[in-house]
Protein backbone atom coordinates (compact mmCIF):
# COMPACT_ATOMS: atom_id res chain seq x y z
CA MET A 1 -13.00 -5.46 15.76
CA GLU A 2 -14.74 -2.08 15.44
CA HIS A 3 -13.13 0.42 13.07
CA GLU A 4 -13.79 4.14 13.03
CA ARG A 5 -14.04 3.95 9.24
CA ILE A 6 -14.34 1.14 6.71
CA LEU A 7 -12.90 2.00 3.29
CA ASN A 8 -13.79 0.05 0.15
CA ASN A 9 -12.22 -0.19 -3.30
CA LEU A 10 -10.35 3.07 -4.06
CA GLU A 11 -11.66 5.09 -1.12
CA ASP A 12 -8.23 5.06 0.51
CA LEU A 13 -6.84 6.72 -2.62
CA ASP A 14 -9.60 9.33 -2.44
CA GLU A 15 -8.35 10.12 1.06
CA ALA A 16 -4.75 10.22 -0.16
CA ARG A 17 -5.67 12.66 -2.94
CA ARG A 18 -7.47 14.91 -0.45
CA LEU A 19 -4.31 15.02 1.67
CA LEU A 20 -1.68 15.23 -1.09
CA GLN A 21 -3.57 17.84 -3.14
CA PRO A 22 -1.83 16.95 -6.43
CA ASP A 23 -1.68 19.46 -9.27
CA GLU A 24 -0.32 19.65 -12.81
CA SER A 25 3.15 20.71 -11.63
CA ASP A 26 3.76 17.59 -9.53
CA LEU A 27 6.20 14.81 -10.37
CA MET A 28 4.97 11.67 -8.60
CA LEU A 29 6.58 8.39 -7.64
CA ASP A 30 4.25 5.40 -7.26
CA LEU A 31 6.33 2.87 -5.34
CA ALA A 32 5.65 -0.86 -5.62
CA CYS A 33 3.01 0.01 -8.18
CA GLY A 34 1.57 -3.52 -8.34
CA ALA A 35 -1.28 -3.66 -10.85
CA GLY A 36 -1.08 0.08 -11.45
CA GLU A 37 -4.20 1.22 -9.56
CA THR A 38 -2.44 4.13 -7.83
CA THR A 39 -0.78 5.32 -11.04
CA ILE A 40 -4.07 5.21 -12.95
CA PHE A 41 -5.78 7.10 -10.13
CA PHE A 42 -3.23 9.94 -9.86
CA ALA A 43 -1.88 10.31 -13.41
CA PRO A 44 -4.74 12.58 -14.60
CA HIS A 45 -4.00 15.00 -11.75
CA VAL A 46 -0.20 15.43 -12.02
CA LYS A 47 2.46 16.34 -14.59
CA SER A 48 3.94 12.82 -14.65
CA VAL A 49 4.17 9.56 -12.70
CA ILE A 50 6.99 7.07 -12.39
CA ALA A 51 5.45 3.65 -11.73
CA ALA A 52 8.15 1.67 -9.93
CA ASP A 53 8.38 -1.90 -8.72
CA MET A 54 11.25 -4.18 -7.76
CA SER A 55 9.80 -6.95 -9.94
CA MET A 56 10.13 -6.59 -13.71
CA GLU A 57 7.29 -9.09 -14.06
CA ALA A 58 5.04 -6.85 -11.96
CA LEU A 59 6.08 -3.80 -14.00
CA LYS A 60 5.15 -5.53 -17.24
CA LYS A 61 1.72 -6.39 -15.84
CA ALA A 62 1.22 -2.82 -14.64
CA GLN A 63 2.26 -1.44 -18.02
CA ALA A 64 -0.23 -3.71 -19.77
CA VAL A 65 -3.05 -2.51 -17.52
CA ILE A 66 -2.09 1.17 -17.61
CA SER A 67 -1.61 1.17 -21.40
CA GLU A 68 -5.30 0.34 -21.74
CA GLN A 69 -5.99 3.84 -20.40
CA LYS A 70 -5.32 5.52 -23.74
CA GLU A 71 -5.44 9.04 -22.32
CA LEU A 72 -2.58 8.42 -19.86
CA LEU A 73 0.51 9.60 -21.74
CA ASN A 74 2.44 10.85 -18.71
CA VAL A 75 3.52 7.52 -17.15
CA ALA A 76 7.01 5.98 -17.21
CA TYR A 77 8.19 2.71 -15.66
CA ARG A 78 11.26 1.91 -13.61
CA GLU A 79 12.54 -1.17 -11.81
CA ALA A 80 13.36 -0.06 -8.26
CA ASP A 81 14.11 -1.49 -4.84
CA VAL A 82 12.25 0.50 -2.17
CA GLN A 83 15.25 0.22 0.15
CA ASP A 84 17.74 1.45 -2.50
CA LEU A 85 15.94 3.74 -4.94
CA PRO A 86 17.65 4.49 -8.29
CA PHE A 87 16.60 8.15 -8.30
CA PRO A 88 18.52 11.33 -7.49
CA ALA A 89 17.88 13.32 -4.34
CA GLY A 90 14.87 15.62 -4.56
CA ALA A 91 13.54 14.05 -7.76
CA PHE A 92 9.85 14.04 -6.81
CA SER A 93 7.30 16.36 -5.27
CA LEU A 94 4.84 13.54 -4.45
CA LEU A 95 5.33 9.97 -3.28
CA CYS A 96 2.63 7.39 -2.73
CA ARG A 97 3.25 3.91 -1.38
CA ARG A 98 0.11 1.78 -1.22
CA GLY A 99 0.11 -1.78 0.04
CA GLU A 100 2.58 -4.66 0.02
CA PHE A 101 5.17 -2.85 2.20
CA HIS A 102 5.30 -6.04 4.20
CA HIS A 103 7.59 -7.48 1.49
CA PHE A 104 10.40 -5.38 2.94
CA THR A 105 12.38 -5.87 6.11
CA ASP A 106 13.96 -2.51 6.92
CA LEU A 107 11.42 0.25 7.55
CA ASP A 108 14.05 2.72 8.71
CA ARG A 109 16.09 2.37 5.53
CA ALA A 110 13.00 2.65 3.34
CA PHE A 111 11.88 5.86 5.06
CA ARG A 112 15.35 7.33 4.62
CA GLU A 113 15.11 6.62 0.90
CA PHE A 114 11.65 8.20 0.72
CA PHE A 115 13.03 11.29 2.44
CA ARG A 116 16.02 11.45 0.09
CA VAL A 117 14.08 11.32 -3.19
CA LEU A 118 11.44 13.86 -2.11
CA ARG A 119 12.21 17.50 -2.72
CA TRP A 120 11.82 20.24 -0.12
CA GLN A 121 8.16 20.38 1.02
CA GLY A 122 7.39 17.23 -1.00
CA ARG A 123 4.37 15.27 0.25
CA MET A 124 4.04 11.56 0.96
CA CYS A 125 1.23 9.10 1.66
CA ILE A 126 1.88 5.58 2.91
CA ILE A 127 -1.07 3.16 2.90
CA ASP A 128 -0.63 -0.40 4.09
CA THR A 129 -1.92 -3.23 6.19
CA LEU A 130 -1.60 -2.92 9.95
CA ARG A 131 -0.63 -5.73 12.28
CA PRO A 132 -3.64 -6.46 14.55
CA GLU A 133 -3.07 -5.73 18.23
CA ASP A 134 -4.89 -8.94 19.12
CA PRO A 135 -2.20 -11.70 19.08
CA GLU A 136 -4.55 -14.43 17.89
CA ALA A 137 -5.86 -12.30 15.01
CA ALA A 138 -2.29 -11.28 14.12
CA THR A 139 -1.12 -14.89 13.95
CA PHE A 140 -4.14 -15.89 11.86
CA ILE A 141 -3.80 -13.18 9.21
CA GLU A 142 0.00 -13.51 9.05
CA THR A 143 -0.39 -17.22 8.30
CA LEU A 144 -2.82 -16.41 5.49
CA HIS A 145 -0.53 -13.71 4.05
CA HIS A 146 2.38 -16.16 3.93
CA LEU A 147 0.17 -18.71 2.19
CA ARG A 148 -1.09 -16.13 -0.31
CA ASP A 149 2.36 -14.65 -0.95
CA PRO A 150 5.57 -16.46 0.09
CA ALA A 151 7.48 -13.15 -0.28
CA HIS A 152 5.51 -11.72 2.64
CA THR A 153 7.69 -10.92 5.65
CA ARG A 154 5.25 -9.51 8.19
CA ALA A 155 2.89 -6.62 8.75
CA TYR A 156 3.95 -3.81 11.08
CA SER A 157 2.25 -2.22 14.07
CA ARG A 158 1.26 1.45 14.28
CA GLU A 159 4.17 2.07 16.63
CA GLU A 160 6.63 0.50 14.18
CA TRP A 161 5.35 2.63 11.31
CA LEU A 162 5.72 5.85 13.28
CA ALA A 163 9.15 4.83 14.56
CA GLY A 164 10.24 4.35 10.94
CA ALA A 165 9.05 7.84 10.00
CA GLU A 166 10.85 9.30 13.01
CA THR A 167 14.23 8.07 11.72
CA THR A 168 14.07 11.00 9.26
CA GLU A 169 13.03 14.65 9.48
CA PHE A 170 9.62 13.94 7.94
CA ILE A 171 6.84 16.09 9.37
CA VAL A 172 3.99 13.66 10.11
CA HIS A 173 0.73 15.57 9.68
CA SER A 174 -1.79 12.79 10.22
CA VAL A 175 -2.08 9.09 10.92
CA MET A 176 -5.33 7.30 10.22
CA THR A 177 -6.07 3.71 11.12
CA PHE A 178 -9.08 2.17 9.45
CA GLY A 179 -10.61 -1.04 8.19
CA LYS A 180 -9.98 -1.96 4.56
CA ARG A 181 -12.69 -4.19 3.11
CA ARG A 182 -11.09 -6.65 0.74
CA ASP A 183 -12.90 -8.52 -1.98
CA PHE A 184 -11.71 -12.07 -1.35
CA ARG A 185 -11.52 -13.20 -4.99
CA LYS A 186 -9.70 -10.05 -6.07
CA TRP A 187 -7.31 -10.42 -3.10
CA CYS A 188 -6.46 -13.91 -4.37
CA ARG A 189 -6.18 -12.89 -8.03
CA THR A 190 -3.61 -10.17 -7.39
CA THR A 191 -0.98 -12.82 -6.63
CA ASP A 192 -2.13 -15.27 -9.33
CA LEU A 193 -3.00 -17.98 -6.84
CA SER A 194 -3.81 -21.50 -7.91
CA SER A 195 -7.30 -22.79 -7.30
CA ALA A 196 -5.88 -25.12 -4.63
CA THR A 197 -4.27 -22.26 -2.67
CA THR A 198 -7.40 -20.13 -3.03
CA ALA A 199 -9.40 -23.02 -1.56
CA LYS A 200 -6.97 -23.29 1.37
CA LEU A 201 -7.37 -19.59 2.14
CA GLN A 202 -11.14 -19.81 1.92
CA ASN A 203 -11.28 -22.86 4.17
CA ALA A 204 -9.03 -21.13 6.72
CA PHE A 205 -11.58 -18.33 7.01
CA LEU A 206 -14.59 -20.66 7.04
CA ASP A 207 -13.06 -22.96 9.67
CA ALA A 208 -11.81 -20.16 11.92
CA ASP A 209 -13.19 -19.53 15.41
CA GLN A 210 -16.12 -17.13 15.61
CA LYS A 211 -13.85 -14.62 17.36
CA ILE A 212 -11.62 -14.49 14.26
CA LYS A 213 -14.61 -14.25 11.91
CA ASP A 214 -15.96 -11.35 13.94
CA PHE A 215 -12.59 -9.61 14.12
CA PHE A 216 -12.19 -9.64 10.33
CA GLN A 217 -15.91 -8.98 9.74
CA LEU A 218 -16.14 -11.95 7.40
CA GLU A 219 -18.89 -11.90 4.79
CA VAL A 220 -19.96 -15.28 3.38
CA PHE A 221 -22.57 -16.04 0.74
CA ALA A 222 -23.68 -19.53 -0.34
CA GLY A 223 -20.79 -21.09 1.56
CA GLU A 224 -18.09 -18.96 -0.10
CA VAL A 225 -16.08 -16.07 1.33
CA GLU A 226 -17.03 -12.78 -0.31
CA SER A 227 -15.00 -10.28 1.69
CA PHE A 228 -13.25 -9.48 4.94
CA VAL A 229 -12.00 -6.36 6.71
CA GLU A 230 -8.30 -5.97 7.47
CA PRO A 231 -6.75 -3.27 9.70
CA ALA A 232 -4.84 -0.65 7.72
CA ILE A 233 -2.93 2.58 8.21
CA LEU A 234 -2.52 5.80 6.23
CA ILE A 235 0.37 8.10 7.07
CA PHE A 236 0.49 11.59 5.55
CA ALA A 237 3.82 13.38 5.93
CA SER A 238 5.93 16.01 4.22
CA HIS A 239 9.56 16.90 3.69
CA PRO A 240 10.42 20.10 5.58
CA ALA A 241 11.03 23.38 3.79
CA LYS A 242 14.52 24.27 2.66
CA PRO A 243 16.42 25.91 5.52
CA VAL A 244 16.95 29.64 5.24
CA ARG A 245 20.65 30.50 5.35
């Protein structure tokens, strides 16, 4: 599959920062913070960040990683379900949600919560995997995601993402689809996979049809998978301005 752009490492966050234009007055919510990459990236540019995740175990891991950044004194942690956020209305001026949305089953409800906790003219970036349009590629990568992470539900199509945003009054400014190059070993480490499961994932890629290898732009060195490219989406939207009465 040919992508207009291939983004590596933190390049998607560079794009998010360009769109969100954070400054020292912003209060930011990093939803499903995972290992804390997004929080670490944005914390130096905003007043404060709440790193939130529905898993206390994940939060503890994120806190351990973020605490190593000694200069980051503006981060707090909160256990939070994306579909039922424990924050008051209008609490944040920025919201970033990067990856792992496919753990959740109700896009509409999640977008309504995002809309509720953002203040007037608050800005939001959603970055996540995109369900391939090719059915064979979609089935292949969904099978691997379930093997890598049993909590995975499914990835969503571009149309489903936009339909979710349209359930609210969000103003969608831009939608970018791109290829996200994933380091295979890092992709496996983020879910603490056993060596046996890692081997199953690697063999699935190596044994796949050439069409699948080409679609995911598989890179192999010395018989081991180094990286692959997965379709992804970035949605930049904002809360409307407060109505004039």
